[in-house]
Amino acid sequence: MTIDWRYTVEENLGILSVAGYLGPDAVRRFTGAIGWALARGTGPVVVDLTELRSWSAEGQLAITEAARRLAEAGRGLELAAIPADGSLVPAGDFPPIPVHADLAAAFAAHSAEHGERVEGRHEWRTTGWPTRDGQGE
């Protein structure tokens, strides 16, 4: 089992929505999604885990590694709606990872920030991610 993802840029905030199971078999795909976000945005990235069913220790480590990669590029990583077990085990030298209760809380945390706004909304996704009409491509 693997993941599907959608990356959206809205007003200097990147939203990487992840669905499925972030286990050992999905780590490479998640790492690729982070690379996509690095290439197509400039602000912080919120990883929206609303549709994530669960994650493994390897999946959690992939998230902490993503936080390190983004920090090296001068960007932050935040989480929204972590799985019910609530665990995340960052290693001692990894950057802090803010956690929001849900995506609305993440947007609210950034609504007071100022900066150059991105015109419109930009979106990229895996072929398995449902489109607006509810069907994957």
Protein backbone atom coordinates (compact mmCIF):
# COMPACT_ATOMS: atom_id res chain seq x y z
CA MET A 1 0.00 0.00 0.00
CA THR A 2 1.25 3.49 -0.81
CA ILE A 3 0.15 7.10 -0.77
CA ASP A 4 -1.34 9.61 -3.15
CA TRP A 5 -0.57 13.29 -2.78
CA ARG A 6 -1.66 16.72 -3.93
CA TYR A 7 0.50 19.83 -3.66
CA THR A 8 -1.26 23.20 -3.69
CA VAL A 9 0.27 26.67 -3.38
CA GLU A 10 -2.01 29.29 -1.89
CA GLU A 11 -0.79 32.73 -0.76
CA ASN A 12 2.82 31.76 0.06
CA LEU A 13 1.76 28.58 1.82
CA GLY A 14 2.36 25.16 0.29
CA ILE A 15 -0.13 22.46 1.23
CA LEU A 16 0.99 18.88 0.66
CA SER A 17 -2.07 16.68 1.23
CA VAL A 18 -1.25 13.01 1.70
CA ALA A 19 -3.74 10.10 1.55
CA GLY A 20 -3.24 6.39 2.21
CA TYR A 21 -0.64 4.70 4.39
CA LEU A 22 2.78 6.29 4.86
CA GLY A 23 4.69 3.07 5.38
CA PRO A 24 8.05 1.77 4.16
CA ASP A 25 6.71 1.27 0.62
CA ALA A 26 5.49 4.88 0.43
CA VAL A 27 8.57 6.69 1.76
CA ARG A 28 10.13 7.10 -1.67
CA ARG A 29 6.90 8.56 -3.09
CA PHE A 30 6.60 10.95 -0.14
CA THR A 31 10.23 12.02 -0.60
CA GLY A 32 9.44 12.72 -4.25
CA ALA A 33 6.45 14.84 -3.24
CA ILE A 34 8.70 16.88 -0.96
CA GLY A 35 11.09 17.38 -3.88
CA TRP A 36 8.12 18.58 -5.94
CA ALA A 37 7.21 21.06 -3.19
CA LEU A 38 10.81 22.29 -2.97
CA ALA A 39 10.87 22.98 -6.71
CA ARG A 40 7.50 24.74 -6.88
CA GLY A 41 7.17 26.93 -3.82
CA THR A 42 8.96 29.36 -1.59
CA GLY A 43 7.09 29.50 1.72
CA PRO A 44 6.42 26.99 4.48
CA VAL A 45 4.90 23.61 3.62
CA VAL A 46 2.00 22.25 5.65
CA VAL A 47 1.67 18.48 5.30
CA ASP A 48 -2.06 17.86 5.56
CA LEU A 49 -2.59 14.34 6.93
CA THR A 50 -6.40 14.48 7.07
CA GLU A 51 -6.71 11.59 4.59
CA LEU A 52 -3.77 9.58 5.95
CA ARG A 53 -4.97 6.30 7.44
CA SER A 54 -1.78 5.61 9.36
CA TRP A 55 2.00 5.89 9.28
CA SER A 56 4.89 3.66 10.22
CA ALA A 57 8.11 4.54 12.02
CA GLU A 58 9.74 4.81 8.57
CA GLY A 59 6.98 7.21 7.48
CA GLN A 60 7.52 9.36 10.56
CA LEU A 61 11.26 9.45 9.89
CA ALA A 62 10.52 10.49 6.29
CA ILE A 63 8.58 13.46 7.67
CA THR A 64 11.44 14.50 9.94
CA GLU A 65 13.88 14.14 7.02
CA ALA A 66 11.55 16.31 4.92
CA ALA A 67 11.65 18.96 7.66
CA ARG A 68 15.45 18.89 7.47
CA ARG A 69 15.46 19.22 3.66
CA LEU A 70 13.04 22.13 3.76
CA ALA A 71 15.02 23.84 6.55
CA GLU A 72 18.17 23.60 4.44
CA ALA A 73 16.25 25.48 1.72
CA GLY A 74 15.14 28.14 4.21
CA ARG A 75 11.60 26.80 4.45
CA GLY A 76 9.61 25.25 7.27
CA LEU A 77 7.52 22.10 7.51
CA GLU A 78 4.36 21.89 9.60
CA LEU A 79 1.81 19.12 10.10
CA ALA A 80 -1.98 19.30 10.14
CA ALA A 81 -4.31 16.56 11.39
CA ILE A 82 -1.76 13.92 12.39
CA PRO A 83 -3.04 10.31 12.70
CA ALA A 84 -4.93 9.36 15.84
CA ASP A 85 -1.92 7.82 17.58
CA GLY A 86 -0.40 11.32 17.62
CA SER A 87 3.15 10.08 17.72
CA LEU A 88 6.01 11.69 15.85
CA VAL A 89 9.56 10.85 16.78
CA PRO A 90 11.92 13.54 15.50
CA ALA A 91 15.61 12.96 16.13
CA GLY A 92 17.46 15.44 18.34
CA ASP A 93 19.10 17.47 15.58
CA PHE A 94 16.05 17.86 13.33
CA PRO A 95 14.20 21.19 13.09
CA PRO A 96 11.05 21.58 15.19
CA ILE A 97 7.81 20.55 13.44
CA PRO A 98 4.74 22.60 14.45
CA VAL A 99 1.56 20.51 14.61
CA HIS A 100 -1.91 21.96 13.92
CA ALA A 101 -5.16 20.24 14.87
CA ASP A 102 -6.39 20.48 11.27
CA LEU A 103 -5.82 22.35 8.02
CA ALA A 104 -8.10 25.24 9.06
CA ALA A 105 -5.93 25.80 12.14
CA ALA A 106 -2.81 25.83 9.94
CA PHE A 107 -4.37 28.45 7.66
CA ALA A 108 -5.40 30.50 10.70
CA ALA A 109 -1.86 30.38 12.07
CA HIS A 110 -0.57 31.87 8.82
CA SER A 111 -3.37 34.35 8.13
CA ALA A 112 -1.71 37.09 10.17
CA GLU A 113 1.62 36.75 8.35
CA HIS A 114 2.50 39.30 5.70
CA GLY A 115 4.54 38.95 2.56
CA GLU A 116 4.36 38.75 -1.19
CA ARG A 117 1.17 37.00 -2.25
CA VAL A 118 1.04 34.33 -4.93
CA GLU A 119 -1.47 35.08 -7.65
CA GLY A 120 -4.18 32.43 -7.88
CA ARG A 121 -4.02 28.84 -6.81
CA HIS A 122 -1.62 26.29 -8.27
CA GLU A 123 -2.11 22.54 -7.86
CA TRP A 124 -0.23 19.34 -8.76
CA ARG A 125 -1.23 15.79 -7.77
CA THR A 126 -0.59 12.11 -8.34
CA THR A 127 -2.92 10.40 -10.79
CA GLY A 128 -4.66 8.55 -7.94
CA TRP A 129 -5.73 11.74 -6.16
CA PRO A 130 -9.47 12.43 -6.66
CA THR A 131 -10.31 15.42 -8.87
CA ARG A 132 -12.99 17.92 -7.93
CA ASP A 133 -15.65 15.65 -9.46
CA GLY A 134 -14.55 12.86 -7.11
CA GLN A 135 -12.74 10.71 -9.68
CA GLY A 136 -9.01 10.08 -9.96
CA GLU A 137 -7.39 10.79 -13.29
